Amino acid sequence: MSLDVQSFAAVHLLRRPEPIRVGGFVAGFDPATTSPYVNYATPLPGAAPTEAEVAALVGEFVGRGLVPRLEFAPDAAPEVEPALRRAGFTTEGVHEYLVCTPATLTRPAGLPATRSPRTDAEFAEIDAALSEAFGNAFPAATDGASLLRRTQERGGAVRFVRAEDGTCAGAAGCSAPAGGTAELAGVGTRPAYRGRGVAAAVTCALAGVLFERGAESVWLEPEGDVSRRVYERVGFRPGGTRLYLRLDAPLP
C-alpha cells in the first residue's frame, strides 16, 4: 500500500497551482496560502536524491519564503530520509495512515445525512465551520472556499452535514484518486455538534463516492485515538506510516 499512497502523493502535488519537479522530488505550491500543510514536497517512489537535488529543493522553498517540508511514506523511497537528514531535516511527525476499501466500508445506522455543496454560500459555510472545528490552528487560506470548490471540481468530493439552525455542523473533503487510491482529509466538526456522528457520516459518504468513481481504496491520517475510533467504525484499517520532515534553518 505504501507505493500506492506515495504515487498518489506525487500526483496530488502536481495538481497544485504551481507544481515543480526537482530531480526525484515533486513540490506543490499554492499562492493562496502559506500553510505548510498545503505547500510541501514529496519524493517519487524509489527516489535516490543527490545532495544537489536536496539543495535545489530547499532553494525552491526559501525563494518563496516557505519552510522546506516533506511528507512521504518512507517504505516507498527508503533512500530519501537519510539524504534529507544529512541536509539537516528533522522530524516534524510520524503519522499512521488508515485505509478503507469497498470490502471494508461500513455505514453504521443512525448517521446524519450528508450533502454536497453547490453554492458559493455553502462552500463559505464549510470553510468557516472547518476553521472553527480546528480552532484556527492552521494558517487560513486567502479564499478557503475556493480551495474546497476546486477539490470538488477537479474530481474530488466535499461533503457536509447541515445543522438544525441551517449552518454547517461539520465537513470533510477527499482528493481526486490517482494510482487507484485517494486521500480523505480535513475532517472537522464544530464543537457544539461533536458526538453526533458528523465525522463518521462525512467520512463514510466520501469513501463511498470515491469507490463509485472507481477508486480501489481511500486513506487518511487519524488525529488521536478519538478520531481513529471514528474511522475504524466506518471501515478504515491500519495501512502504514508516513514521515513528515522539515528544515527550520536552511543554509543560505
Protein backbone atom coordinates (compact mmCIF):
# COMPACT_ATOMS: atom_id res chain seq x y z
CA MET A 1 0.00 0.00 0.00
CA SER A 2 2.92 2.38 0.63
CA LEU A 3 3.69 2.55 -3.10
CA ASP A 4 0.07 3.43 -3.88
CA VAL A 5 0.00 6.13 -1.19
CA GLN A 6 3.32 7.59 -2.33
CA SER A 7 2.34 7.56 -6.01
CA PHE A 8 -0.86 9.36 -5.08
CA ALA A 9 1.07 11.96 -3.06
CA ALA A 10 3.26 12.83 -6.04
CA VAL A 11 0.34 13.14 -8.46
CA HIS A 12 -1.67 15.14 -5.95
CA LEU A 13 1.07 17.76 -5.56
CA LEU A 14 1.32 18.11 -9.33
CA ARG A 15 -2.29 19.34 -9.22
CA ARG A 16 -1.30 22.42 -7.19
CA PRO A 17 -1.45 25.80 -8.98
CA GLU A 18 2.37 25.98 -9.02
CA PRO A 19 3.86 22.46 -9.14
CA ILE A 20 7.55 21.79 -9.77
CA ARG A 21 9.83 18.78 -10.14
CA VAL A 22 13.38 18.77 -8.80
CA GLY A 23 15.21 15.54 -9.53
CA GLY A 24 13.28 12.80 -7.75
CA PHE A 25 11.08 15.26 -5.85
CA VAL A 26 7.71 16.83 -6.58
CA ALA A 27 6.68 20.02 -4.77
CA GLY A 28 3.29 21.69 -4.89
CA PHE A 29 2.79 25.38 -4.10
CA ASP A 30 -0.40 27.38 -3.82
CA PRO A 31 -0.07 31.19 -3.66
CA ALA A 32 -3.47 31.41 -1.95
CA THR A 33 -1.96 30.24 1.33
CA THR A 34 1.33 30.00 3.22
CA SER A 35 0.14 26.89 5.06
CA PRO A 36 2.91 24.27 5.29
CA TYR A 37 0.18 21.65 5.06
CA VAL A 38 -0.58 22.82 1.52
CA ASN A 39 2.90 23.88 0.37
CA TYR A 40 5.20 20.89 0.71
CA ALA A 41 7.14 18.29 -1.28
CA THR A 42 7.29 14.53 -1.64
CA PRO A 43 9.65 12.10 -3.39
CA LEU A 44 8.73 9.91 -6.32
CA PRO A 45 8.61 6.22 -5.37
CA GLY A 46 12.09 4.76 -5.32
CA ALA A 47 13.83 8.16 -5.47
CA ALA A 48 17.52 8.31 -4.53
CA PRO A 49 18.21 12.06 -4.25
CA THR A 50 21.64 13.59 -4.55
CA GLU A 51 22.94 16.37 -2.32
CA ALA A 52 22.50 18.82 -5.18
CA GLU A 53 18.86 17.80 -5.67
CA VAL A 54 18.11 18.29 -1.99
CA ALA A 55 19.79 21.71 -2.07
CA ALA A 56 17.79 22.70 -5.15
CA LEU A 57 14.55 21.64 -3.49
CA VAL A 58 15.37 23.67 -0.39
CA GLY A 59 16.06 26.66 -2.63
CA GLU A 60 12.57 26.46 -4.14
CA PHE A 61 11.02 26.79 -0.68
CA VAL A 62 13.39 29.51 0.54
CA GLY A 63 12.78 31.53 -2.60
CA ARG A 64 9.07 31.56 -1.77
CA GLY A 65 9.60 32.40 1.91
CA LEU A 66 8.36 28.97 2.98
CA VAL A 67 9.74 26.35 5.36
CA PRO A 68 11.16 23.38 3.41
CA ARG A 69 8.90 20.50 4.28
CA LEU A 70 8.14 16.98 3.01
CA GLU A 71 5.51 14.33 3.62
CA PHE A 72 6.06 10.77 2.38
CA ALA A 73 5.79 7.06 3.03
CA PRO A 74 9.41 6.09 3.81
CA ASP A 75 8.94 2.45 2.78
CA ALA A 76 8.25 3.60 -0.79
CA ALA A 77 11.51 5.60 -1.05
CA PRO A 78 13.98 4.29 1.58
CA GLU A 79 16.94 6.38 0.39
CA VAL A 80 15.16 9.70 0.83
CA GLU A 81 15.13 10.01 4.61
CA PRO A 82 18.93 9.58 5.03
CA ALA A 83 19.59 12.14 2.30
CA LEU A 84 17.29 14.68 3.93
CA ARG A 85 18.72 14.14 7.39
CA ARG A 86 22.24 14.72 6.08
CA ALA A 87 20.96 18.11 4.89
CA GLY A 88 19.64 18.96 8.36
CA PHE A 89 15.99 18.00 8.09
CA THR A 90 14.37 16.96 11.36
CA THR A 91 11.23 15.04 12.24
CA GLU A 92 8.02 17.01 12.47
CA GLY A 93 5.93 13.89 12.97
CA VAL A 94 5.38 10.24 12.18
CA HIS A 95 1.78 9.51 11.26
CA GLU A 96 -0.02 6.23 10.85
CA TYR A 97 -2.45 6.10 7.97
CA LEU A 98 -5.60 4.03 7.78
CA VAL A 99 -7.04 2.50 4.61
CA CYS A 100 -10.61 1.71 3.60
CA THR A 101 -11.65 -0.45 0.65
CA PRO A 102 -15.06 -1.26 -0.81
CA ALA A 103 -14.91 -4.56 1.08
CA THR A 104 -14.37 -2.91 4.48
CA LEU A 105 -16.57 0.20 4.13
CA THR A 106 -19.42 0.12 6.68
CA ARG A 107 -22.24 2.59 7.22
CA PRO A 108 -23.48 2.42 10.82
CA ALA A 109 -27.16 3.03 11.43
CA GLY A 110 -28.29 6.43 12.62
CA LEU A 111 -25.68 8.65 10.99
CA PRO A 112 -26.88 12.11 9.91
CA ALA A 113 -27.48 12.81 6.25
CA THR A 114 -24.72 14.47 4.23
CA ARG A 115 -24.88 16.97 1.41
CA SER A 116 -22.68 18.01 -1.48
CA PRO A 117 -22.03 21.79 -1.55
CA ARG A 118 -23.19 23.54 -4.69
CA THR A 119 -23.35 27.27 -3.98
CA ASP A 120 -20.70 29.81 -3.02
CA ALA A 121 -22.54 30.31 0.25
CA GLU A 122 -22.33 26.61 1.11
CA PHE A 123 -18.62 26.44 0.36
CA ALA A 124 -18.10 29.53 2.52
CA GLU A 125 -20.11 27.95 5.35
CA ILE A 126 -17.97 24.81 5.20
CA ASP A 127 -14.75 26.83 5.21
CA ALA A 128 -15.91 28.76 8.29
CA ALA A 129 -17.05 25.58 10.07
CA LEU A 130 -13.74 23.82 9.47
CA SER A 131 -11.81 26.84 10.75
CA GLU A 132 -13.87 26.69 13.93
CA ALA A 133 -13.51 22.92 14.17
CA PHE A 134 -9.71 23.12 14.06
CA GLY A 135 -9.57 26.07 16.44
CA ASN A 136 -7.91 28.26 13.79
CA ALA A 137 -4.76 26.20 14.38
CA PHE A 138 -3.63 26.42 10.75
CA PRO A 139 -2.83 29.45 8.60
CA ALA A 140 -6.01 30.50 6.85
CA ALA A 141 -6.18 30.44 3.07
CA THR A 142 -6.92 33.70 1.31
CA ASP A 143 -10.05 32.04 -0.06
CA GLY A 144 -10.57 28.66 1.57
CA ALA A 145 -14.00 28.32 -0.04
CA SER A 146 -12.38 28.39 -3.49
CA LEU A 147 -9.90 25.69 -2.45
CA LEU A 148 -12.81 23.47 -1.41
CA ARG A 149 -14.66 24.15 -4.65
CA ARG A 150 -11.54 23.32 -6.64
CA THR A 151 -11.24 19.98 -4.86
CA GLN A 152 -14.74 19.08 -5.96
CA GLU A 153 -14.45 20.43 -9.48
CA ARG A 154 -11.22 18.51 -10.14
CA GLY A 155 -12.60 15.07 -9.49
CA GLY A 156 -12.58 15.00 -5.70
CA ALA A 157 -15.53 15.42 -3.39
CA VAL A 158 -16.69 17.52 -0.44
CA ARG A 159 -19.48 16.50 1.91
CA PHE A 160 -21.04 18.31 4.88
CA VAL A 161 -23.79 17.88 7.46
CA ARG A 162 -26.37 20.62 7.84
CA ALA A 163 -27.02 21.70 11.46
CA GLU A 164 -30.50 22.32 12.83
CA ASP A 165 -30.00 26.09 12.59
CA GLY A 166 -29.14 25.83 8.90
CA THR A 167 -25.39 26.26 9.29
CA CYS A 168 -22.69 23.67 8.63
CA ALA A 169 -22.13 21.25 11.54
CA GLY A 170 -19.05 19.61 10.03
CA ALA A 171 -17.46 18.54 6.78
CA ALA A 172 -14.54 16.89 5.01
CA GLY A 173 -13.03 16.58 1.56
CA CYS A 174 -11.43 13.84 -0.50
CA SER A 175 -9.00 14.44 -3.33
CA ALA A 176 -9.43 13.01 -6.80
CA PRO A 177 -7.96 9.49 -6.98
CA ALA A 178 -4.59 8.67 -8.51
CA GLY A 179 -3.00 5.26 -8.84
CA GLY A 180 -6.16 3.65 -7.56
CA THR A 181 -6.28 5.48 -4.22
CA ALA A 182 -7.37 8.84 -2.80
CA GLU A 183 -6.70 10.83 0.37
CA LEU A 184 -9.54 11.89 2.64
CA ALA A 185 -8.57 14.90 4.75
CA GLY A 186 -9.78 17.85 6.77
CA VAL A 187 -12.49 16.00 8.69
CA GLY A 188 -13.81 18.58 11.12
CA THR A 189 -16.86 19.05 13.34
CA ARG A 190 -17.79 22.28 15.10
CA PRO A 191 -17.51 21.83 18.90
CA ALA A 192 -21.24 22.22 19.50
CA TYR A 193 -22.03 19.27 17.23
CA ARG A 194 -19.44 16.74 18.28
CA GLY A 195 -20.56 13.30 19.43
CA ARG A 196 -23.44 13.19 16.94
CA GLY A 197 -21.86 11.09 14.20
CA VAL A 198 -20.99 14.02 11.92
CA ALA A 199 -17.38 12.94 11.29
CA ALA A 200 -18.39 9.33 10.68
CA ALA A 201 -21.13 10.44 8.28
CA VAL A 202 -18.95 12.62 6.05
CA THR A 203 -16.09 10.08 6.11
CA CYS A 204 -18.37 7.23 5.12
CA ALA A 205 -20.09 9.28 2.43
CA LEU A 206 -16.84 10.45 0.85
CA ALA A 207 -15.33 6.97 0.75
CA GLY A 208 -18.49 5.70 -0.91
CA VAL A 209 -18.41 8.46 -3.53
CA LEU A 210 -14.79 7.72 -4.44
CA PHE A 211 -15.44 3.99 -4.70
CA GLU A 212 -18.34 4.68 -7.04
CA ARG A 213 -15.89 6.65 -9.20
CA GLY A 214 -13.50 3.71 -9.43
CA ALA A 215 -11.05 4.21 -6.56
CA GLU A 216 -9.79 0.93 -5.11
CA SER A 217 -9.01 2.44 -1.71
CA VAL A 218 -9.24 5.63 0.33
CA TRP A 219 -6.73 6.55 3.04
CA LEU A 220 -6.46 9.11 5.80
CA GLU A 221 -4.38 10.01 8.84
CA PRO A 222 -6.21 9.96 12.19
CA GLU A 223 -5.56 12.64 14.79
CA GLY A 224 -5.50 10.70 18.04
CA ASP A 225 -7.47 7.80 19.44
CA VAL A 226 -10.87 9.50 19.28
CA SER A 227 -10.74 10.15 15.55
CA ARG A 228 -9.18 6.74 14.96
CA ARG A 229 -12.18 5.05 16.53
CA VAL A 230 -14.49 7.11 14.32
CA TYR A 231 -12.69 5.98 11.17
CA GLU A 232 -12.43 2.37 12.26
CA ARG A 233 -16.16 2.42 12.86
CA VAL A 234 -16.79 3.00 9.15
CA GLY A 235 -14.22 0.51 7.87
CA PHE A 236 -10.73 2.06 7.94
CA ARG A 237 -7.88 -0.27 8.89
CA PRO A 238 -4.10 0.23 9.56
CA GLY A 239 -2.13 0.70 6.34
CA GLY A 240 1.35 2.02 7.23
CA THR A 241 3.16 5.18 8.29
CA ARG A 242 4.08 8.49 6.73
CA LEU A 243 7.00 10.67 7.78
CA TYR A 244 6.93 14.47 7.99
CA LEU A 245 10.34 16.19 7.81
CA ARG A 246 11.17 19.91 7.84
CA LEU A 247 14.22 22.17 7.69
CA ASP A 248 13.75 25.06 10.11
CA ALA A 249 17.08 26.81 9.44
CA PRO A 250 18.02 26.21 5.79
CA LEU A 251 21.55 27.14 4.84
CA PRO A 252 21.88 30.28 2.66
